[in-house]
Amino acid sequence: MGRRLGDPQDHLSKSMKKIILFDLDGTIADVQPIERLVLKKILEEKNVIYTGNLNFGFNDKNFVKEYQRCFGILKENSLLPSPKLLLDVRKFKFEASCSLGLVTGGVKIETEWVLKRLGIKDVFRPELLFCREDYTGSKKDGGPYVKIKRLFPDSLVVVLGDSVADLSGSKVVGFDYCLMSRKTTLVENEQKARRFFQKYQMLSE
């Protein structure tokens, strides 16, 4: 069923002429130390030794609930390490027509905590925050990007991410993509992102 005339989403589509979607882990911040700590707690409760593997079943709803619960416990007890900033989006002066969003495979409670700790939560539009609970499928098969394309069919959308999954998923719907890296410096990441934004005339500077 198509959207009805006057649906709130009509207003959003018209107001967002250009949308920049960022990945979180490996692009905006290094979240892996946090993920490892949460996964270690999940497995310790099951009397299983954690070996450092991050390839767990985030497509499994029961696992997602376990992750949310354990993250919450570590958060309440102030046991979470601070995330490392990889790309400071506050350094860019975007055109008024640009809206910033986030597409992540991480859960919402973790994503919002990381953004708040980094002091950049208010940079992103709440309606453009897509976490693991907000879409079906995976980033690799285009799950969140298909949803965004449906919600904002008239917007120019570009993606910044650090993984093949991000690249493959964005290609499904024809979103241009900039490949970032957690191994480069803040300055190098900023320069690369700036060139990408300038390509689409997204900066006012």
Protein backbone atom coordinates (compact mmCIF):
# COMPACT_ATOMS: atom_id res chain seq x y z
CA MET A 1 0.00 0.00 0.00
CA GLY A 2 1.38 3.43 -0.94
CA ARG A 3 1.64 6.41 1.38
CA ARG A 4 -1.50 8.51 1.73
CA LEU A 5 -1.49 12.16 0.76
CA GLY A 6 -0.82 14.20 3.88
CA ASP A 7 1.12 11.43 5.59
CA PRO A 8 3.82 12.94 7.89
CA GLN A 9 6.41 11.14 5.77
CA ASP A 10 5.44 13.30 2.77
CA HIS A 11 6.69 16.35 4.64
CA LEU A 12 9.93 14.60 5.57
CA SER A 13 10.61 13.50 2.01
CA LYS A 14 10.16 17.02 0.68
CA SER A 15 12.28 18.63 3.38
CA MET A 16 15.22 16.25 2.97
CA LYS A 17 16.68 17.03 -0.44
CA LYS A 18 20.04 15.46 0.38
CA ILE A 19 20.64 12.71 2.96
CA ILE A 20 24.05 11.60 4.21
CA LEU A 21 23.99 8.19 5.91
CA PHE A 22 26.90 7.26 8.15
CA ASP A 23 27.83 3.85 9.50
CA LEU A 24 28.73 3.96 13.20
CA ASP A 25 31.41 1.38 14.05
CA GLY A 26 34.53 1.87 11.95
CA THR A 27 33.29 5.13 10.43
CA ILE A 28 32.12 7.53 13.14
CA ALA A 29 33.68 5.67 16.07
CA ASP A 30 35.47 2.51 17.13
CA VAL A 31 32.78 0.59 19.02
CA GLN A 32 34.45 -2.84 18.99
CA PRO A 33 35.87 -2.64 22.55
CA ILE A 34 32.31 -2.05 23.79
CA GLU A 35 30.89 -4.89 21.70
CA ARG A 36 33.56 -7.30 22.94
CA LEU A 37 32.80 -6.47 26.56
CA VAL A 38 29.05 -7.00 26.07
CA LEU A 39 29.58 -10.27 24.20
CA LYS A 40 31.98 -11.46 26.91
CA LYS A 41 29.29 -10.86 29.55
CA ILE A 42 26.63 -12.67 27.50
CA LEU A 43 28.83 -15.75 27.15
CA GLU A 44 30.08 -15.67 30.75
CA GLU A 45 26.46 -15.92 31.92
CA LYS A 46 26.23 -19.10 29.85
CA ASN A 47 29.55 -20.40 31.23
CA VAL A 48 31.18 -20.07 27.81
CA ILE A 49 34.67 -18.64 27.33
CA TYR A 50 34.72 -15.64 24.99
CA THR A 51 37.50 -15.80 22.38
CA GLY A 52 37.14 -12.29 20.95
CA ASN A 53 34.96 -13.20 17.96
CA LEU A 54 32.56 -10.40 16.89
CA ASN A 55 30.62 -12.46 14.34
CA PHE A 56 27.50 -13.16 16.36
CA GLY A 57 23.85 -13.42 15.39
CA PHE A 58 22.58 -9.87 15.33
CA ASN A 59 19.83 -11.05 12.99
CA ASP A 60 18.48 -13.24 15.80
CA LYS A 61 15.87 -11.39 17.88
CA ASN A 62 16.63 -13.38 21.02
CA PHE A 63 20.32 -12.55 20.75
CA VAL A 64 19.52 -8.87 20.21
CA LYS A 65 17.45 -8.89 23.43
CA GLU A 66 20.33 -10.51 25.31
CA TYR A 67 22.73 -7.91 23.96
CA GLN A 68 20.40 -5.07 24.96
CA ARG A 69 20.04 -6.47 28.48
CA CYS A 70 23.76 -7.00 29.07
CA PHE A 71 24.65 -3.63 27.60
CA GLY A 72 22.17 -2.05 29.99
CA ILE A 73 23.74 -3.80 32.99
CA LEU A 74 27.25 -2.67 32.03
CA LYS A 75 26.00 0.85 31.40
CA GLU A 76 24.24 1.09 34.78
CA ASN A 77 27.42 -0.05 36.51
CA SER A 78 29.63 2.38 34.53
CA LEU A 79 31.73 -0.48 33.14
CA LEU A 80 31.65 0.52 29.46
CA PRO A 81 34.82 1.89 27.82
CA SER A 82 34.61 5.26 26.09
CA PRO A 83 34.24 5.05 22.30
CA LYS A 84 37.08 6.37 20.14
CA LEU A 85 36.09 9.06 17.63
CA LEU A 86 37.15 8.29 14.04
CA LEU A 87 35.32 11.01 12.08
CA ASP A 88 34.14 14.25 13.67
CA VAL A 89 31.03 15.27 11.71
CA ARG A 90 30.97 18.59 13.58
CA LYS A 91 33.97 19.70 11.51
CA PHE A 92 31.82 20.04 8.38
CA LYS A 93 29.54 22.95 7.49
CA PHE A 94 26.74 21.29 5.55
CA GLU A 95 24.30 22.99 3.23
CA ALA A 96 20.88 23.64 4.74
CA SER A 97 19.42 21.09 2.30
CA CYS A 98 21.48 18.26 3.86
CA SER A 99 20.20 15.95 6.60
CA LEU A 100 22.47 13.55 8.46
CA GLY A 101 21.47 10.01 9.36
CA LEU A 102 22.98 6.84 10.73
CA VAL A 103 22.62 3.21 9.63
CA THR A 104 24.14 0.67 11.99
CA GLY A 105 23.99 -3.01 12.77
CA GLY A 106 24.23 -2.12 16.45
CA VAL A 107 21.29 -1.93 18.82
CA LYS A 108 19.59 1.39 19.61
CA ILE A 109 20.50 1.59 23.31
CA GLU A 110 24.19 1.20 22.44
CA THR A 111 24.09 3.55 19.45
CA GLU A 112 22.41 6.38 21.35
CA TRP A 113 24.83 5.97 24.28
CA VAL A 114 27.86 6.15 21.95
CA LEU A 115 26.57 9.24 20.13
CA LYS A 116 25.79 10.94 23.44
CA ARG A 117 29.23 10.14 24.87
CA LEU A 118 30.86 11.59 21.76
CA GLY A 119 28.68 14.71 21.99
CA ILE A 120 27.25 14.29 18.48
CA LYS A 121 23.79 12.83 19.07
CA ASP A 122 22.04 16.08 18.12
CA VAL A 123 23.85 16.20 14.76
CA PHE A 124 21.69 13.40 13.38
CA ARG A 125 17.97 13.59 12.55
CA PRO A 126 16.08 11.20 14.88
CA GLU A 127 13.97 9.93 11.98
CA LEU A 128 17.18 9.03 10.12
CA LEU A 129 18.58 6.86 12.91
CA PHE A 130 18.31 3.24 11.76
CA CYS A 131 19.55 0.64 14.25
CA ARG A 132 19.34 -3.15 14.26
CA GLU A 133 15.76 -3.05 15.58
CA ASP A 134 14.57 -0.68 12.84
CA TYR A 135 14.92 -2.81 9.72
CA THR A 136 14.64 -6.38 8.45
CA GLY A 137 17.36 -8.32 6.70
CA SER A 138 20.96 -7.14 6.87
CA LYS A 139 23.01 -4.19 5.68
CA LYS A 140 24.79 -6.46 3.20
CA ASP A 141 21.54 -7.42 1.41
CA GLY A 142 20.33 -3.81 1.46
CA GLY A 143 17.72 -4.15 4.22
CA PRO A 144 17.97 -0.65 5.77
CA TYR A 145 18.76 1.07 2.47
CA VAL A 146 15.70 -0.38 0.76
CA LYS A 147 13.60 1.00 3.61
CA ILE A 148 15.22 4.43 3.36
CA LYS A 149 14.74 4.51 -0.41
CA ARG A 150 11.05 3.76 0.12
CA LEU A 151 10.67 6.43 2.80
CA PHE A 152 12.58 9.14 0.93
CA PRO A 153 12.18 8.37 -2.80
CA ASP A 154 12.90 11.92 -3.97
CA SER A 155 16.05 12.53 -1.93
CA LEU A 156 19.66 12.26 -3.03
CA VAL A 157 21.16 9.74 -0.62
CA VAL A 158 24.85 8.92 -0.13
CA VAL A 159 26.52 6.52 2.31
CA LEU A 160 29.77 6.57 4.28
CA GLY A 161 30.88 3.27 5.76
CA ASP A 162 33.91 1.07 6.35
CA SER A 163 32.72 -2.38 5.29
CA VAL A 164 31.90 -4.44 2.23
CA ALA A 165 28.44 -4.99 3.75
CA ASP A 166 27.76 -1.24 3.65
CA LEU A 167 29.05 -1.02 0.09
CA SER A 168 27.02 -4.00 -1.16
CA GLY A 169 23.84 -2.84 0.55
CA SER A 170 24.02 0.71 -0.78
CA LYS A 171 24.55 -0.61 -4.30
CA VAL A 172 21.25 -2.51 -4.10
CA VAL A 173 19.33 0.78 -4.28
CA GLY A 174 21.88 2.84 -6.19
CA PHE A 175 23.22 4.98 -3.34
CA ASP A 176 26.76 6.28 -3.95
CA TYR A 177 29.25 5.15 -1.35
CA CYS A 178 32.46 6.39 0.27
CA LEU A 179 34.67 3.71 1.83
CA MET A 180 36.20 4.83 5.14
CA SER A 181 38.73 3.08 7.39
CA ARG A 182 39.23 2.71 11.13
CA LYS A 183 42.98 2.37 10.47
CA THR A 184 43.51 5.95 9.25
CA THR A 185 43.82 9.16 11.25
CA LEU A 186 41.06 11.65 12.09
CA VAL A 187 42.59 14.12 9.63
CA GLU A 188 42.80 11.58 6.80
CA ASN A 189 39.19 10.49 7.35
CA GLU A 190 38.04 14.11 7.39
CA GLN A 191 39.86 14.88 4.12
CA LYS A 192 38.39 11.86 2.36
CA ALA A 193 34.86 12.61 3.57
CA ARG A 194 35.22 16.27 2.59
CA ARG A 195 36.13 15.37 -1.01
CA PHE A 196 33.10 13.08 -1.16
CA PHE A 197 30.75 15.77 0.16
CA GLN A 198 32.17 18.34 -2.25
CA LYS A 199 31.41 15.98 -5.13
CA TYR A 200 27.70 16.40 -4.36
CA GLN A 201 27.93 20.07 -3.34
CA MET A 202 26.88 19.27 0.22
CA LEU A 203 29.15 21.77 1.97
CA SER A 204 28.53 25.48 2.43
CA GLU A 205 32.20 26.31 2.99
